[in-house]
Amino acid sequence: MFNREIQPPLSLPATDALDAFFNLSPDLFCIRNSEGYFTKINDRWTERLGWTEAEMRSQPWIEFVHPDDLQATWEWEAELTPSSPQPLRYKNRFRCKKGGYRWLSWRISQDEQGISYGIAQDVTEEQWRKSAVYRGGVQEAVKLRDQAIAASRMGIVIADANLPDMPLIYVNPAFEQITGYLPEEVLGVNCRFLQGPKTDQTELNRLRAAINEGCHCTVILLNYRKDGTTFWNELTISPIYDYAQNLTHFVGIQADVSDRIIAEKALRLEKNRSEQLLLNIL
């Protein structure tokens, strides 16, 4: 009963073994060549930052670093040599595909050919908890933010991107002044109630596309006040992402630009009239 031949374990090709090893770790593994490009990364990079391996290999790794961290990163990297007895350690911020940055804590070694081997841990939450805003200034920062938003002459609205139909959850006093709607009349519903029969569908399509893609966008729309009168609304929307790069809200900033639009139309009419008079004279 003990004479069954034991089969040796199947061996993986070197590249497959490396891939398997890379992707076992919860950390971000990478290999960089001497020219400053990633040559290999594990799947954690895509999970954390959103970039595919091809995208990250297509540009120098330093271009992903936050502009405020570039100088320090270059200084740290200058200390990286094959003769270094210990891995180089430092922290910086890397750009996410959808915007924003994540803090990475690095350990990097280099061989004689200038190939660098790095392991990075995502320490974004840790850095956030250590920040001065988090330690003691959260309430004060929120208070100042609320005062600034309330005092703004621009209409400011916030919509919840995770609820069905993205309802409004906040409007500032200027929104009421511009549109005539009270907060209790609009909170909990989508802001399309400002649209009407003469609202430009092309601009609306641009706006919808930006919302679907989670992108920043500015449009000019003919909107309708509560009393039925119209106004030209220059609307800018910006997506808000949490620390994990999940879309949570949209912020909309509204400006009544009716006077500007009317003046621009008058100028165009006057220009056309002058050109026509000149043609008649000639």
C-alpha atoms as a PDB file:
ATOM      1  CA  MET A   1       0.000   0.000   0.000  1.00  0.00           C
ATOM      2  CA  PHE A   2       3.005   2.289   0.329  1.00  0.00           C
ATOM      3  CA  ASN A   3       4.499   1.498  -3.090  1.00  0.00           C
ATOM      4  CA  ARG A   4       2.624   4.197  -5.009  1.00  0.00           C
ATOM      5  CA  GLU A   5       5.072   6.352  -6.915  1.00  0.00           C
ATOM      6  CA  ILE A   6       5.140   9.927  -5.700  1.00  0.00           C
ATOM      7  CA  GLN A   7       5.003  12.389  -8.561  1.00  0.00           C
ATOM      8  CA  PRO A   8       7.314  15.389  -8.340  1.00  0.00           C
ATOM      9  CA  PRO A   9       5.549  18.751  -8.142  1.00  0.00           C
ATOM     10  CA  LEU A  10       4.994  20.490 -11.422  1.00  0.00           C
ATOM     11  CA  SER A  11       7.439  23.318 -11.977  1.00  0.00           C
ATOM     12  CA  LEU A  12       6.313  26.642 -13.349  1.00  0.00           C
ATOM     13  CA  PRO A  13       8.168  28.547 -16.040  1.00  0.00           C
ATOM     14  CA  ALA A  14      10.291  31.291 -14.552  1.00  0.00           C
ATOM     15  CA  THR A  15       8.012  34.080 -15.722  1.00  0.00           C
ATOM     16  CA  ASP A  16       4.888  32.347 -14.404  1.00  0.00           C
ATOM     17  CA  ALA A  17       6.576  31.722 -11.071  1.00  0.00           C
ATOM     18  CA  LEU A  18       7.562  35.376 -10.839  1.00  0.00           C
ATOM     19  CA  ASP A  19       4.011  36.463 -11.646  1.00  0.00           C
ATOM     20  CA  ALA A  20       2.611  34.106  -9.017  1.00  0.00           C
ATOM     21  CA  PHE A  21       5.085  35.364  -6.424  1.00  0.00           C
ATOM     22  CA  PHE A  22       4.399  39.021  -7.249  1.00  0.00           C
ATOM     23  CA  ASN A  23       0.645  38.621  -6.975  1.00  0.00           C
ATOM     24  CA  LEU A  24       0.689  36.751  -3.662  1.00  0.00           C
ATOM     25  CA  SER A  25       1.659  39.890  -1.785  1.00  0.00           C
ATOM     26  CA  PRO A  26      -0.776  42.547  -0.561  1.00  0.00           C
ATOM     27  CA  ASP A  27       1.995  45.090  -1.191  1.00  0.00           C
ATOM     28  CA  LEU A  28       2.838  46.815  -4.456  1.00  0.00           C
ATOM     29  CA  PHE A  29       5.798  45.048  -6.112  1.00  0.00           C
ATOM     30  CA  CYS A  30       7.690  46.541  -9.025  1.00  0.00           C
ATOM     31  CA  ILE A  31      10.851  46.310 -11.097  1.00  0.00           C
ATOM     32  CA  ARG A  32      12.317  49.428 -12.740  1.00  0.00           C
ATOM     33  CA  ASN A  33      14.985  49.596 -15.402  1.00  0.00           C
ATOM     34  CA  SER A  34      17.951  51.952 -15.501  1.00  0.00           C
ATOM     35  CA  GLU A  35      16.101  54.272 -17.891  1.00  0.00           C
ATOM     36  CA  GLY A  36      13.449  55.098 -15.305  1.00  0.00           C
ATOM     37  CA  TYR A  37      10.561  52.924 -16.503  1.00  0.00           C
ATOM     38  CA  PHE A  38       8.620  50.173 -14.784  1.00  0.00           C
ATOM     39  CA  THR A  39       9.279  46.834 -16.440  1.00  0.00           C
ATOM     40  CA  LYS A  40       7.007  44.802 -14.180  1.00  0.00           C
ATOM     41  CA  ILE A  41       4.365  45.462 -11.541  1.00  0.00           C
ATOM     42  CA  ASN A  42       1.959  43.221  -9.673  1.00  0.00           C
ATOM     43  CA  ASP A  43      -1.826  43.412  -9.660  1.00  0.00           C
ATOM     44  CA  ARG A  44      -1.926  45.503  -6.486  1.00  0.00           C
ATOM     45  CA  TRP A  45      -0.962  48.573  -8.518  1.00  0.00           C
ATOM     46  CA  THR A  46      -4.096  48.350 -10.618  1.00  0.00           C
ATOM     47  CA  GLU A  47      -6.240  47.682  -7.550  1.00  0.00           C
ATOM     48  CA  ARG A  48      -4.855  50.676  -5.654  1.00  0.00           C
ATOM     49  CA  LEU A  49      -4.188  53.256  -8.358  1.00  0.00           C
ATOM     50  CA  GLY A  50      -6.380  52.143 -11.254  1.00  0.00           C
ATOM     51  CA  TRP A  51      -3.629  52.075 -13.907  1.00  0.00           C
ATOM     52  CA  THR A  52      -3.064  48.968 -16.012  1.00  0.00           C
ATOM     53  CA  GLU A  53       0.436  47.531 -16.232  1.00  0.00           C
ATOM     54  CA  ALA A  54       0.715  48.740 -19.832  1.00  0.00           C
ATOM     55  CA  GLU A  55      -0.230  52.273 -18.787  1.00  0.00           C
ATOM     56  CA  MET A  56       2.302  52.338 -15.978  1.00  0.00           C
ATOM     57  CA  ARG A  57       5.049  51.019 -18.216  1.00  0.00           C
ATOM     58  CA  SER A  58       4.349  53.589 -20.919  1.00  0.00           C
ATOM     59  CA  GLN A  59       5.824  56.588 -19.093  1.00  0.00           C
ATOM     60  CA  PRO A  60       8.682  57.227 -16.637  1.00  0.00           C
ATOM     61  CA  TRP A  61       7.732  56.222 -13.119  1.00  0.00           C
ATOM     62  CA  ILE A  62       8.642  59.672 -11.785  1.00  0.00           C
ATOM     63  CA  GLU A  63       5.712  61.166 -13.741  1.00  0.00           C
ATOM     64  CA  PHE A  64       3.298  59.422 -11.378  1.00  0.00           C
ATOM     65  CA  VAL A  65       4.792  61.202  -8.351  1.00  0.00           C
ATOM     66  CA  HIS A  66       2.971  64.156  -6.788  1.00  0.00           C
ATOM     67  CA  PRO A  67       4.558  67.467  -7.909  1.00  0.00           C
ATOM     68  CA  ASP A  68       5.176  68.476  -4.291  1.00  0.00           C
ATOM     69  CA  ASP A  69       7.122  65.243  -3.696  1.00  0.00           C
ATOM     70  CA  LEU A  70       9.338  65.360  -6.797  1.00  0.00           C
ATOM     71  CA  GLN A  71      12.327  67.160  -5.297  1.00  0.00           C
ATOM     72  CA  ALA A  72      12.460  64.975  -2.199  1.00  0.00           C
ATOM     73  CA  THR A  73      11.973  61.822  -4.293  1.00  0.00           C
ATOM     74  CA  TRP A  74      14.901  62.740  -6.553  1.00  0.00           C
ATOM     75  CA  GLU A  75      17.092  63.387  -3.505  1.00  0.00           C
ATOM     76  CA  TRP A  76      16.169  60.044  -1.964  1.00  0.00           C
ATOM     77  CA  GLU A  77      16.685  58.184  -5.230  1.00  0.00           C
ATOM     78  CA  ALA A  78      20.159  59.732  -5.581  1.00  0.00           C
ATOM     79  CA  GLU A  79      21.156  57.683  -2.529  1.00  0.00           C
ATOM     80  CA  LEU A  80      20.158  54.421  -4.239  1.00  0.00           C
ATOM     81  CA  THR A  81      23.288  52.497  -5.275  1.00  0.00           C
ATOM     82  CA  PRO A  82      24.166  48.805  -5.673  1.00  0.00           C
ATOM     83  CA  SER A  83      26.530  49.115  -2.721  1.00  0.00           C
ATOM     84  CA  SER A  84      23.843  50.348  -0.335  1.00  0.00           C
ATOM     85  CA  PRO A  85      23.863  47.959   2.652  1.00  0.00           C
ATOM     86  CA  GLN A  86      20.145  48.458   3.339  1.00  0.00           C
ATOM     87  CA  PRO A  87      17.144  49.047   1.094  1.00  0.00           C
ATOM     88  CA  LEU A  88      16.310  52.685   0.486  1.00  0.00           C
ATOM     89  CA  ARG A  89      13.239  53.776   2.452  1.00  0.00           C
ATOM     90  CA  TYR A  90      11.040  56.806   1.885  1.00  0.00           C
ATOM     91  CA  LYS A  91       7.435  57.900   1.339  1.00  0.00           C
ATOM     92  CA  ASN A  92       5.779  59.790  -1.474  1.00  0.00           C
ATOM     93  CA  ARG A  93       2.438  60.168  -3.216  1.00  0.00           C
ATOM     94  CA  PHE A  94       1.528  58.419  -6.471  1.00  0.00           C
ATOM     95  CA  ARG A  95      -1.149  59.647  -8.859  1.00  0.00           C
ATOM     96  CA  CYS A  96      -4.342  57.599  -9.321  1.00  0.00           C
ATOM     97  CA  LYS A  97      -5.940  57.151 -12.726  1.00  0.00           C
ATOM     98  CA  LYS A  98      -9.200  58.775 -11.649  1.00  0.00           C
ATOM     99  CA  GLY A  99      -7.492  61.679  -9.926  1.00  0.00           C
ATOM    100  CA  GLY A 100      -6.120  62.122  -6.444  1.00  0.00           C
ATOM    101  CA  TYR A 101      -3.055  60.516  -4.910  1.00  0.00           C
ATOM    102  CA  ARG A 102      -2.171  57.673  -2.576  1.00  0.00           C
ATOM    103  CA  TRP A 103       0.682  57.637  -0.086  1.00  0.00           C
ATOM    104  CA  LEU A 104       3.230  54.849  -0.638  1.00  0.00           C
ATOM    105  CA  SER A 105       5.957  53.755   1.769  1.00  0.00           C
ATOM    106  CA  TRP A 106       8.904  52.411  -0.237  1.00  0.00           C
ATOM    107  CA  ARG A 107      11.724  49.885   0.203  1.00  0.00           C
ATOM    108  CA  ILE A 108      13.988  49.797  -2.854  1.00  0.00           C
ATOM    109  CA  SER A 109      17.226  48.009  -3.756  1.00  0.00           C
ATOM    110  CA  GLN A 110      19.351  48.222  -6.900  1.00  0.00           C
ATOM    111  CA  ASP A 111      21.652  45.745  -8.647  1.00  0.00           C
ATOM    112  CA  GLU A 112      24.867  46.320 -10.588  1.00  0.00           C
ATOM    113  CA  GLN A 113      22.971  46.779 -13.869  1.00  0.00           C
ATOM    114  CA  GLY A 114      20.920  49.635 -12.440  1.00  0.00           C
ATOM    115  CA  ILE A 115      17.779  47.519 -12.138  1.00  0.00           C
ATOM    116  CA  SER A 116      15.716  48.573  -9.115  1.00  0.00           C
ATOM    117  CA  TYR A 117      13.451  46.269  -7.121  1.00  0.00           C
ATOM    118  CA  GLY A 118      10.771  47.975  -5.063  1.00  0.00           C
ATOM    119  CA  ILE A 119       8.111  47.080  -2.534  1.00  0.00           C
ATOM    120  CA  ALA A 120       5.590  49.769  -1.619  1.00  0.00           C
ATOM    121  CA  GLN A 121       2.923  49.733   1.063  1.00  0.00           C
ATOM    122  CA  ASP A 122      -0.203  51.847   0.724  1.00  0.00           C
ATOM    123  CA  VAL A 123      -0.167  54.046   3.849  1.00  0.00           C
ATOM    124  CA  THR A 124      -2.760  56.586   2.721  1.00  0.00           C
ATOM    125  CA  GLU A 125      -5.081  56.069   5.675  1.00  0.00           C
ATOM    126  CA  GLU A 126      -2.181  56.199   8.127  1.00  0.00           C
ATOM    127  CA  GLN A 127      -0.937  59.484   6.661  1.00  0.00           C
ATOM    128  CA  TRP A 128      -4.435  60.899   6.727  1.00  0.00           C
ATOM    129  CA  ARG A 129      -4.874  60.018  10.400  1.00  0.00           C
ATOM    130  CA  LYS A 130      -1.556  61.679  11.216  1.00  0.00           C
ATOM    131  CA  SER A 131      -2.372  64.900   9.385  1.00  0.00           C
ATOM    132  CA  ALA A 132      -2.869  68.086  11.329  1.00  0.00           C
ATOM    133  CA  VAL A 133      -6.380  68.452   9.949  1.00  0.00           C
ATOM    134  CA  TYR A 134      -7.343  65.042  11.312  1.00  0.00           C
ATOM    135  CA  ARG A 135      -5.580  65.457  14.696  1.00  0.00           C
ATOM    136  CA  GLY A 136      -7.109  68.688  15.811  1.00  0.00           C
ATOM    137  CA  GLY A 137      -8.482  70.839  13.070  1.00  0.00           C
ATOM    138  CA  VAL A 138     -11.336  68.817  11.618  1.00  0.00           C
ATOM    139  CA  GLN A 139     -14.136  70.694  13.314  1.00  0.00           C
ATOM    140  CA  GLU A 140     -12.566  74.078  12.618  1.00  0.00           C
ATOM    141  CA  ALA A 141     -11.933  73.165   8.982  1.00  0.00           C
ATOM    142  CA  VAL A 142     -15.528  72.013   8.557  1.00  0.00           C
ATOM    143  CA  LYS A 143     -16.790  75.207  10.173  1.00  0.00           C
ATOM    144  CA  LEU A 144     -14.689  77.400   7.884  1.00  0.00           C
ATOM    145  CA  ARG A 145     -15.763  75.373   4.847  1.00  0.00           C
ATOM    146  CA  ASP A 146     -19.431  75.713   5.721  1.00  0.00           C
ATOM    147  CA  GLN A 147     -19.076  79.453   6.278  1.00  0.00           C
ATOM    148  CA  ALA A 148     -17.291  79.911   2.954  1.00  0.00           C
ATOM    149  CA  ILE A 149     -19.888  77.890   1.048  1.00  0.00           C
ATOM    150  CA  ALA A 150     -22.784  79.692   2.725  1.00  0.00           C
ATOM    151  CA  ALA A 151     -21.246  83.111   2.009  1.00  0.00           C
ATOM    152  CA  SER A 152     -20.493  82.381  -1.632  1.00  0.00           C
ATOM    153  CA  ARG A 153     -22.368  84.408  -4.241  1.00  0.00           C
ATOM    154  CA  MET A 154     -22.279  81.331  -6.473  1.00  0.00           C
ATOM    155  CA  GLY A 155     -24.953  78.716  -6.148  1.00  0.00           C
ATOM    156  CA  ILE A 156     -23.358  75.584  -4.685  1.00  0.00           C
ATOM    157  CA  VAL A 157     -25.030  72.182  -4.619  1.00  0.00           C
ATOM    158  CA  ILE A 158     -23.872  68.725  -3.574  1.00  0.00           C
ATOM    159  CA  ALA A 159     -25.367  65.530  -5.006  1.00  0.00           C
ATOM    160  CA  ASP A 160     -24.919  62.010  -3.640  1.00  0.00           C
ATOM    161  CA  ALA A 161     -23.398  59.880  -6.417  1.00  0.00           C
ATOM    162  CA  ASN A 162     -24.208  56.626  -4.618  1.00  0.00           C
ATOM    163  CA  LEU A 163     -27.964  57.098  -4.283  1.00  0.00           C
ATOM    164  CA  PRO A 164     -30.424  56.372  -7.108  1.00  0.00           C
ATOM    165  CA  ASP A 165     -30.845  59.361  -9.446  1.00  0.00           C
ATOM    166  CA  MET A 166     -28.114  61.276  -7.566  1.00  0.00           C
ATOM    167  CA  PRO A 167     -30.346  63.496  -5.386  1.00  0.00           C
ATOM    168  CA  LEU A 168     -29.258  66.837  -3.979  1.00  0.00           C
ATOM    169  CA  ILE A 169     -28.184  66.666  -0.333  1.00  0.00           C
ATOM    170  CA  TYR A 170     -27.095  70.299   0.078  1.00  0.00           C
ATOM    171  CA  VAL A 171     -27.801  73.698  -1.480  1.00  0.00           C
ATOM    172  CA  ASN A 172     -26.387  77.001  -0.245  1.00  0.00           C
ATOM    173  CA  PRO A 173     -28.334  80.279   0.200  1.00  0.00           C
ATOM    174  CA  ALA A 174     -27.128  81.631  -3.153  1.00  0.00           C
ATOM    175  CA  PHE A 175     -28.833  78.717  -4.920  1.00  0.00           C
ATOM    176  CA  GLU A 176     -32.137  79.827  -3.406  1.00  0.00           C
ATOM    177  CA  GLN A 177     -31.514  83.421  -4.505  1.00  0.00           C
ATOM    178  CA  ILE A 178     -30.665  82.371  -8.077  1.00  0.00           C
ATOM    179  CA  THR A 179     -33.436  79.817  -8.612  1.00  0.00           C
ATOM    180  CA  GLY A 180     -36.160  80.803  -6.152  1.00  0.00           C
ATOM    181  CA  TYR A 181     -36.352  77.270  -4.737  1.00  0.00           C
ATOM    182  CA  LEU A 182     -36.199  76.676  -0.988  1.00  0.00           C
ATOM    183  CA  PRO A 183     -33.875  73.910   0.270  1.00  0.00           C
ATOM    184  CA  GLU A 184     -36.793  71.814   1.511  1.00  0.00           C
ATOM    185  CA  GLU A 185     -38.268  71.860  -1.995  1.00  0.00           C
ATOM    186  CA  VAL A 186     -35.194  70.448  -3.727  1.00  0.00           C
ATOM    187  CA  LEU A 187     -33.276  68.285  -1.263  1.00  0.00           C
ATOM    188  CA  GLY A 188     -33.716  64.612  -2.062  1.00  0.00           C
ATOM    189  CA  VAL A 189     -34.421  65.112  -5.771  1.00  0.00           C
ATOM    190  CA  ASN A 190     -32.260  65.356  -8.882  1.00  0.00           C
ATOM    191  CA  CYS A 191     -31.532  68.920 -10.013  1.00  0.00           C
ATOM    192  CA  ARG A 192     -32.981  68.365 -13.493  1.00  0.00           C
ATOM    193  CA  PHE A 193     -36.049  70.322 -12.295  1.00  0.00           C
ATOM    194  CA  LEU A 194     -34.124  73.411 -13.478  1.00  0.00           C
ATOM    195  CA  GLN A 195     -34.328  72.221 -17.072  1.00  0.00           C
ATOM    196  CA  GLY A 196     -37.073  73.171 -19.502  1.00  0.00           C
ATOM    197  CA  PRO A 197     -38.173  73.008 -23.133  1.00  0.00           C
ATOM    198  CA  LYS A 198     -35.512  75.460 -24.335  1.00  0.00           C
ATOM    199  CA  THR A 199     -32.584  73.908 -22.481  1.00  0.00           C
ATOM    200  CA  ASP A 200     -29.839  72.961 -24.965  1.00  0.00           C
ATOM    201  CA  GLN A 201     -29.767  69.157 -25.364  1.00  0.00           C
ATOM    202  CA  THR A 202     -26.198  69.224 -26.675  1.00  0.00           C
ATOM    203  CA  GLU A 203     -24.962  70.809 -23.459  1.00  0.00           C
ATOM    204  CA  LEU A 204     -27.075  68.395 -21.424  1.00  0.00           C
ATOM    205  CA  ASN A 205     -25.491  65.459 -23.248  1.00  0.00           C
ATOM    206  CA  ARG A 206     -22.018  66.815 -22.407  1.00  0.00           C
ATOM    207  CA  LEU A 207     -23.069  67.112 -18.784  1.00  0.00           C
ATOM    208  CA  ARG A 208     -24.478  63.569 -18.657  1.00  0.00           C
ATOM    209  CA  ALA A 209     -21.339  62.136 -20.264  1.00  0.00           C
ATOM    210  CA  ALA A 210     -19.146  63.833 -17.659  1.00  0.00           C
ATOM    211  CA  ILE A 211     -21.312  62.490 -14.843  1.00  0.00           C
ATOM    212  CA  ASN A 212     -21.194  58.959 -16.270  1.00  0.00           C
ATOM    213  CA  GLU A 213     -17.399  59.162 -16.569  1.00  0.00           C
ATOM    214  CA  GLY A 214     -16.902  60.837 -13.187  1.00  0.00           C
ATOM    215  CA  CYS A 215     -15.240  63.866 -14.791  1.00  0.00           C
ATOM    216  CA  HIS A 216     -15.051  67.626 -14.305  1.00  0.00           C
ATOM    217  CA  CYS A 217     -17.234  69.604 -16.722  1.00  0.00           C
ATOM    218  CA  THR A 218     -18.477  73.154 -17.379  1.00  0.00           C
ATOM    219  CA  VAL A 219     -21.612  73.861 -19.420  1.00  0.00           C
ATOM    220  CA  ILE A 220     -23.871  76.846 -20.017  1.00  0.00           C
ATOM    221  CA  LEU A 221     -27.565  76.002 -19.790  1.00  0.00           C
ATOM    222  CA  LEU A 222     -30.774  77.939 -20.141  1.00  0.00           C
ATOM    223  CA  ASN A 223     -32.451  77.032 -16.847  1.00  0.00           C
ATOM    224  CA  TYR A 224     -35.820  77.839 -15.317  1.00  0.00           C
ATOM    225  CA  ARG A 225     -36.490  79.483 -11.968  1.00  0.00           C
ATOM    226  CA  LYS A 226     -39.334  78.456  -9.700  1.00  0.00           C
ATOM    227  CA  ASP A 227     -41.492  81.280 -11.097  1.00  0.00           C
ATOM    228  CA  GLY A 228     -40.937  80.054 -14.669  1.00  0.00           C
ATOM    229  CA  THR A 229     -38.558  82.800 -15.768  1.00  0.00           C
ATOM    230  CA  THR A 230     -35.332  81.742 -17.445  1.00  0.00           C
ATOM    231  CA  PHE A 231     -31.690  82.488 -16.705  1.00  0.00           C
ATOM    232  CA  TRP A 232     -28.383  81.460 -18.209  1.00  0.00           C
ATOM    233  CA  ASN A 233     -26.614  79.131 -15.800  1.00  0.00           C
ATOM    234  CA  GLU A 234     -22.875  78.507 -16.086  1.00  0.00           C
ATOM    235  CA  LEU A 235     -22.664  75.176 -14.293  1.00  0.00           C
ATOM    236  CA  THR A 236     -19.409  73.524 -13.282  1.00  0.00           C
ATOM    237  CA  ILE A 237     -19.501  70.029 -11.786  1.00  0.00           C
ATOM    238  CA  SER A 238     -16.607  68.290 -10.082  1.00  0.00           C
ATOM    239  CA  PRO A 239     -16.471  64.681  -8.837  1.00  0.00           C
ATOM    240  CA  ILE A 240     -15.517  63.946  -5.244  1.00  0.00           C
ATOM    241  CA  TYR A 241     -13.628  60.733  -4.433  1.00  0.00           C
ATOM    242  CA  ASP A 242     -12.907  59.194  -1.038  1.00  0.00           C
ATOM    243  CA  TYR A 243      -9.470  58.007   0.126  1.00  0.00           C
ATOM    244  CA  ALA A 244     -10.039  54.684  -1.669  1.00  0.00           C
ATOM    245  CA  GLN A 245     -10.761  56.522  -4.945  1.00  0.00           C
ATOM    246  CA  ASN A 246     -14.454  55.649  -4.920  1.00  0.00           C
ATOM    247  CA  LEU A 247     -16.761  58.282  -6.409  1.00  0.00           C
ATOM    248  CA  THR A 248     -19.014  59.559  -3.616  1.00  0.00           C
ATOM    249  CA  HIS A 249     -20.441  62.953  -4.592  1.00  0.00           C
ATOM    250  CA  PHE A 250     -20.641  65.648  -7.225  1.00  0.00           C
ATOM    251  CA  VAL A 251     -20.269  69.319  -6.360  1.00  0.00           C
ATOM    252  CA  GLY A 252     -21.995  71.782  -8.663  1.00  0.00           C
ATOM    253  CA  ILE A 253     -21.178  75.500  -8.825  1.00  0.00           C
ATOM    254  CA  GLN A 254     -23.762  77.683 -10.522  1.00  0.00           C
ATOM    255  CA  ALA A 255     -23.343  81.240 -11.770  1.00  0.00           C
ATOM    256  CA  ASP A 256     -26.118  83.364 -13.269  1.00  0.00           C
ATOM    257  CA  VAL A 257     -24.410  84.677 -16.418  1.00  0.00           C
ATOM    258  CA  SER A 258     -27.549  86.023 -18.075  1.00  0.00           C
ATOM    259  CA  ASP A 259     -26.200  89.584 -18.340  1.00  0.00           C
ATOM    260  CA  ARG A 260     -23.028  88.316 -19.993  1.00  0.00           C
ATOM    261  CA  ILE A 261     -24.870  86.129 -22.499  1.00  0.00           C
ATOM    262  CA  ILE A 262     -27.293  88.938 -23.387  1.00  0.00           C
ATOM    263  CA  ALA A 263     -24.389  91.378 -23.843  1.00  0.00           C
ATOM    264  CA  GLU A 264     -22.508  88.901 -26.036  1.00  0.00           C
ATOM    265  CA  LYS A 265     -25.584  88.385 -28.210  1.00  0.00           C
ATOM    266  CA  ALA A 266     -26.048  92.161 -28.526  1.00  0.00           C
ATOM    267  CA  LEU A 267     -22.422  92.568 -29.570  1.00  0.00           C
ATOM    268  CA  ARG A 268     -22.781  89.848 -32.194  1.00  0.00           C
ATOM    269  CA  LEU A 269     -25.932  91.467 -33.565  1.00  0.00           C
ATOM    270  CA  GLU A 270     -24.249  94.861 -33.687  1.00  0.00           C
ATOM    271  CA  LYS A 271     -21.223  93.371 -35.415  1.00  0.00           C
ATOM    272  CA  ASN A 272     -23.421  91.654 -38.001  1.00  0.00           C
ATOM    273  CA  ARG A 273     -25.395  94.864 -38.548  1.00  0.00           C
ATOM    274  CA  SER A 274     -22.213  96.890 -39.023  1.00  0.00           C
ATOM    275  CA  GLU A 275     -20.801  94.352 -41.460  1.00  0.00           C
ATOM    276  CA  GLN A 276     -24.044  94.380 -43.441  1.00  0.00           C
ATOM    277  CA  LEU A 277     -24.050  98.195 -43.587  1.00  0.00           C
ATOM    278  CA  LEU A 278     -20.467  98.158 -44.802  1.00  0.00           C
ATOM    279  CA  LEU A 279     -21.347  95.656 -47.519  1.00  0.00           C
ATOM    280  CA  ASN A 280     -24.274  97.824 -48.623  1.00  0.00           C
ATOM    281  CA  ILE A 281     -22.021 100.876 -48.865  1.00  0.00           C
ATOM    282  CA  LEU A 282     -19.443  98.993 -50.906  1.00  0.00           C
END
